[in-house]
Amino acid sequence: MIQRHGLEANVQSTEKVGIMPNRVKTIAFSWLALRLNQRLPDNLPLVTEHAIGES
């Protein structure tokens, strides 16, 4: 899909950084729950390129 848009990316398994692929979703939802529990933003503009509160 990335190549279809004329972009290139070096996509690798999360195993390279010690995270089993079947755990990625669990880790992501845990991170979101932690942010919500601590009343912190669930958005990191540096990563998502969207301002906090923007959809």
N, C-alpha and C. Protein backbone atom coordinates (compact mmCIF):
# COMPACT_ATOMS: atom_id res chain seq x y z
N MET A 1 0.82 -1.18 0.00
CA MET A 1 0.00 0.00 0.00
C MET A 1 0.87 1.26 0.00
N ILE A 2 1.94 1.26 0.74
CA ILE A 2 2.83 2.42 0.78
C ILE A 2 3.41 2.70 -0.59
N GLN A 3 3.84 1.64 -1.26
CA GLN A 3 4.43 1.79 -2.59
C GLN A 3 3.41 2.31 -3.59
N ARG A 4 2.15 1.97 -3.41
CA ARG A 4 1.09 2.43 -4.30
C ARG A 4 1.00 3.96 -4.30
N HIS A 5 1.37 4.58 -3.20
CA HIS A 5 1.32 6.03 -3.07
C HIS A 5 2.66 6.70 -3.41
N GLY A 6 3.56 5.93 -3.96
CA GLY A 6 4.84 6.48 -4.36
C GLY A 6 5.80 6.72 -3.20
N LEU A 7 5.56 6.07 -2.08
CA LEU A 7 6.41 6.24 -0.91
C LEU A 7 7.23 4.97 -0.67
N GLU A 8 8.32 5.13 0.01
CA GLU A 8 9.15 3.98 0.36
C GLU A 8 9.28 3.93 1.87
N ALA A 9 9.33 2.73 2.39
CA ALA A 9 9.50 2.56 3.83
C ALA A 9 10.22 1.25 4.09
N ASN A 10 11.03 1.25 5.11
CA ASN A 10 11.71 0.04 5.55
C ASN A 10 10.88 -0.54 6.69
N VAL A 11 9.97 -1.44 6.37
CA VAL A 11 9.07 -2.02 7.36
C VAL A 11 9.69 -3.30 7.90
N GLN A 12 9.77 -3.37 9.24
CA GLN A 12 10.34 -4.54 9.88
C GLN A 12 9.42 -5.01 10.99
N SER A 13 9.59 -6.23 11.40
CA SER A 13 8.79 -6.80 12.48
C SER A 13 9.16 -6.13 13.80
N THR A 14 8.17 -6.01 14.68
CA THR A 14 8.43 -5.46 16.02
C THR A 14 9.32 -6.39 16.83
N GLU A 15 9.48 -7.62 16.37
CA GLU A 15 10.37 -8.55 17.07
C GLU A 15 11.79 -8.00 17.13
N LYS A 16 12.16 -7.17 16.15
CA LYS A 16 13.51 -6.60 16.13
C LYS A 16 13.79 -5.73 17.34
N VAL A 17 12.72 -5.21 17.97
CA VAL A 17 12.89 -4.38 19.17
C VAL A 17 12.35 -5.09 20.42
N GLY A 18 12.15 -6.41 20.30
CA GLY A 18 11.78 -7.21 21.45
C GLY A 18 10.29 -7.26 21.76
N ILE A 19 9.44 -6.86 20.81
CA ILE A 19 7.99 -6.90 21.03
C ILE A 19 7.39 -7.91 20.05
N MET A 20 6.76 -8.94 20.61
CA MET A 20 6.13 -9.95 19.77
C MET A 20 4.97 -9.30 19.00
N PRO A 21 4.85 -9.56 17.70
CA PRO A 21 3.81 -8.94 16.89
C PRO A 21 2.40 -9.12 17.43
N ASN A 22 2.11 -10.26 18.06
CA ASN A 22 0.76 -10.48 18.57
C ASN A 22 0.49 -9.70 19.86
N ARG A 23 1.46 -8.94 20.34
CA ARG A 23 1.30 -8.12 21.55
C ARG A 23 1.17 -6.63 21.25
N VAL A 24 1.34 -6.22 20.02
CA VAL A 24 1.33 -4.80 19.66
C VAL A 24 0.01 -4.14 20.03
N LYS A 25 -1.11 -4.77 19.68
CA LYS A 25 -2.42 -4.17 19.97
C LYS A 25 -2.63 -4.07 21.48
N THR A 26 -2.24 -5.09 22.23
CA THR A 26 -2.39 -5.07 23.69
C THR A 26 -1.59 -3.94 24.29
N ILE A 27 -0.38 -3.76 23.82
CA ILE A 27 0.48 -2.69 24.33
C ILE A 27 -0.10 -1.32 24.00
N ALA A 28 -0.62 -1.16 22.78
CA ALA A 28 -1.19 0.13 22.37
C ALA A 28 -2.40 0.49 23.22
N PHE A 29 -3.30 -0.46 23.44
CA PHE A 29 -4.48 -0.16 24.25
C PHE A 29 -4.12 0.06 25.71
N SER A 30 -3.10 -0.62 26.20
CA SER A 30 -2.63 -0.39 27.57
C SER A 30 -2.08 1.02 27.71
N TRP A 31 -1.34 1.46 26.72
CA TRP A 31 -0.78 2.82 26.74
C TRP A 31 -1.91 3.84 26.74
N LEU A 32 -2.93 3.63 25.88
CA LEU A 32 -4.06 4.55 25.83
C LEU A 32 -4.81 4.57 27.16
N ALA A 33 -5.01 3.42 27.78
CA ALA A 33 -5.70 3.35 29.07
C ALA A 33 -4.91 4.09 30.14
N LEU A 34 -3.61 3.93 30.15
CA LEU A 34 -2.75 4.63 31.11
C LEU A 34 -2.86 6.14 30.94
N ARG A 35 -2.80 6.60 29.69
CA ARG A 35 -2.91 8.04 29.41
C ARG A 35 -4.26 8.58 29.89
N LEU A 36 -5.33 7.82 29.62
CA LEU A 36 -6.67 8.24 30.05
C LEU A 36 -6.76 8.28 31.56
N ASN A 37 -6.25 7.25 32.21
CA ASN A 37 -6.28 7.17 33.67
C ASN A 37 -5.52 8.33 34.31
N GLN A 38 -4.43 8.73 33.72
CA GLN A 38 -3.61 9.82 34.26
C GLN A 38 -4.05 11.19 33.73
N ARG A 39 -5.16 11.21 32.98
CA ARG A 39 -5.71 12.43 32.39
C ARG A 39 -4.68 13.18 31.54
N LEU A 40 -3.92 12.40 30.79
CA LEU A 40 -2.91 12.94 29.89
C LEU A 40 -3.43 12.86 28.46
N PRO A 41 -2.91 13.68 27.56
CA PRO A 41 -3.36 13.61 26.16
C PRO A 41 -3.06 12.23 25.56
N ASP A 42 -3.94 11.78 24.71
CA ASP A 42 -3.73 10.50 24.03
C ASP A 42 -3.12 10.72 22.66
N ASN A 43 -2.59 11.90 22.45
CA ASN A 43 -2.05 12.29 21.16
C ASN A 43 -0.66 12.87 21.36
N LEU A 44 0.28 12.43 20.58
CA LEU A 44 1.63 12.99 20.61
C LEU A 44 1.85 13.71 19.29
N PRO A 45 1.65 15.03 19.24
CA PRO A 45 1.73 15.78 17.98
C PRO A 45 3.03 15.53 17.21
N LEU A 46 4.12 15.30 17.92
CA LEU A 46 5.38 15.02 17.24
C LEU A 46 5.27 13.77 16.37
N VAL A 47 4.46 12.80 16.82
CA VAL A 47 4.29 11.55 16.10
C VAL A 47 3.16 11.64 15.08
N THR A 48 2.02 12.19 15.50
CA THR A 48 0.83 12.16 14.65
C THR A 48 0.70 13.37 13.73
N GLU A 49 1.46 14.40 13.99
CA GLU A 49 1.40 15.65 13.22
C GLU A 49 0.03 16.35 13.35
N HIS A 50 -0.72 16.04 14.40
CA HIS A 50 -1.99 16.71 14.67
C HIS A 50 -1.90 17.38 16.03
N ALA A 51 -2.47 18.55 16.13
CA ALA A 51 -2.50 19.26 17.40
C ALA A 51 -3.41 18.54 18.37
N ILE A 52 -3.14 18.67 19.65
CA ILE A 52 -3.98 18.07 20.68
C ILE A 52 -5.38 18.65 20.58
N GLY A 53 -6.38 17.79 20.61
CA GLY A 53 -7.77 18.22 20.48
C GLY A 53 -8.26 18.28 19.05
N GLU A 54 -7.37 18.10 18.11
CA GLU A 54 -7.73 18.12 16.68
C GLU A 54 -8.09 16.72 16.25
N SER A 55 -9.10 16.58 15.39
CA SER A 55 -9.43 15.24 14.91
C SER A 55 -9.03 15.03 13.48
